[in-house]
Amino acid sequence: MKRLWAQYFPKIEERVVELESAAVSCIQGNLSDDQRQRAREAAHKLAGVLGTFGIDRGTQLAREAERYYSDSGPLTQGNAMRQAEIAAQIRASVAAKQ
């Protein structure tokens, strides 16, 4: 399992960075449709892979992020702040696994 973790960790890290970047853009009010789509895809993929490695809280958070980014409506400032919290909590969950 350690070998698989080492293999998948760089992709996991990329996806967490994607969520962090989208949250910052959202807070700044300039989240593009393309960036929103990439964040939704990153959250979806994180939900699956984190569950595979037993990071259940990370999976729950990634699913929440996916729902936010899947919604076609505008993201409010409160939603943006929640996205930043989610990204930070996912990062912490991943770091705890190391």
Protein backbone atom coordinates (compact mmCIF):
# COMPACT_ATOMS: atom_id res chain seq x y z
CA MET A 1 0.00 0.00 0.00
CA LYS A 2 2.93 2.32 0.69
CA ARG A 3 4.17 1.85 -2.86
CA LEU A 4 0.74 2.71 -4.27
CA TRP A 5 0.56 5.78 -2.03
CA ALA A 6 3.96 6.92 -3.31
CA GLN A 7 2.80 6.35 -6.87
CA TYR A 8 -0.47 8.29 -6.48
CA PHE A 9 0.74 11.04 -4.16
CA PRO A 10 1.97 13.43 -6.91
CA LYS A 11 -1.46 13.31 -8.63
CA ILE A 12 -3.22 13.75 -5.29
CA GLU A 13 -1.04 16.78 -4.61
CA GLU A 14 -1.86 18.25 -8.04
CA ARG A 15 -5.57 17.86 -7.38
CA VAL A 16 -5.34 19.48 -3.96
CA VAL A 17 -3.45 22.40 -5.52
CA GLU A 18 -6.22 22.67 -8.14
CA LEU A 19 -8.82 22.97 -5.36
CA GLU A 20 -6.72 25.53 -3.51
CA SER A 21 -6.25 27.59 -6.66
CA ALA A 22 -9.96 27.49 -7.49
CA ALA A 23 -10.84 28.58 -3.96
CA VAL A 24 -8.48 31.57 -4.19
CA SER A 25 -9.90 32.55 -7.56
CA CYS A 26 -13.40 32.20 -6.18
CA ILE A 27 -12.59 34.42 -3.19
CA GLN A 28 -11.13 37.00 -5.57
CA GLY A 29 -14.25 36.79 -7.70
CA ASN A 30 -12.53 35.61 -10.87
CA LEU A 31 -13.19 31.87 -11.05
CA SER A 32 -13.45 30.96 -14.74
CA ASP A 33 -15.80 28.29 -16.05
CA ASP A 34 -12.77 26.26 -17.12
CA GLN A 35 -11.18 26.50 -13.67
CA ARG A 36 -14.49 25.59 -12.06
CA GLN A 37 -14.70 22.48 -14.27
CA ARG A 38 -11.12 21.48 -13.44
CA ALA A 39 -11.87 21.91 -9.71
CA ARG A 40 -14.99 19.76 -10.03
CA GLU A 41 -12.99 17.04 -11.79
CA ALA A 42 -10.17 17.26 -9.23
CA ALA A 43 -12.65 16.97 -6.36
CA HIS A 44 -14.36 14.00 -8.02
CA LYS A 45 -11.08 12.16 -8.52
CA LEU A 46 -9.90 12.99 -5.00
CA ALA A 47 -13.11 11.59 -3.53
CA GLY A 48 -12.35 8.24 -5.11
CA VAL A 49 -8.64 7.97 -4.51
CA LEU A 50 -8.72 9.23 -0.93
CA GLY A 51 -11.34 6.63 -0.09
CA THR A 52 -9.10 3.95 -1.58
CA PHE A 53 -6.39 4.94 0.88
CA GLY A 54 -8.77 5.07 3.85
CA ILE A 55 -8.90 8.86 4.11
CA ASP A 56 -12.64 8.92 4.65
CA ARG A 57 -12.83 12.50 5.87
CA GLY A 58 -10.97 13.62 2.76
CA THR A 59 -13.47 11.75 0.61
CA GLN A 60 -16.39 13.47 2.33
CA LEU A 61 -14.79 16.87 1.90
CA ALA A 62 -13.96 16.23 -1.75
CA ARG A 63 -17.57 15.23 -2.41
CA GLU A 64 -18.73 18.47 -0.81
CA ALA A 65 -16.33 20.44 -3.02
CA GLU A 66 -17.56 18.55 -6.07
CA ARG A 67 -21.16 19.52 -5.28
CA TYR A 68 -20.21 23.19 -4.98
CA TYR A 69 -18.31 23.23 -8.25
CA SER A 70 -20.99 21.16 -10.05
CA ASP A 71 -23.74 23.64 -9.23
CA SER A 72 -24.28 25.96 -12.19
CA GLY A 73 -25.14 28.96 -10.02
CA PRO A 74 -22.70 31.60 -8.88
CA LEU A 75 -20.55 30.84 -5.86
CA THR A 76 -21.07 33.27 -3.02
CA GLN A 77 -18.31 34.66 -0.85
CA GLY A 78 -19.42 32.26 1.89
CA ASN A 79 -19.16 29.35 -0.55
CA ALA A 80 -15.72 30.58 -1.59
CA MET A 81 -14.52 30.65 2.01
CA ARG A 82 -15.91 27.15 2.56
CA GLN A 83 -14.01 25.95 -0.52
CA ALA A 84 -10.80 27.32 0.96
CA GLU A 85 -11.55 25.50 4.23
CA ILE A 86 -12.27 22.27 2.37
CA ALA A 87 -9.01 22.48 0.41
CA ALA A 88 -7.05 23.13 3.62
CA GLN A 89 -8.74 20.23 5.40
CA ILE A 90 -8.10 17.87 2.50
CA ARG A 91 -4.44 18.95 2.50
CA ALA A 92 -4.27 18.22 6.25
CA SER A 93 -5.90 14.81 5.78
CA VAL A 94 -3.40 13.92 3.07
CA ALA A 95 -0.47 15.16 5.18
CA ALA A 96 -1.63 13.05 8.12
CA LYS A 97 -1.48 9.97 5.89
CA GLN A 98 2.21 10.51 5.14
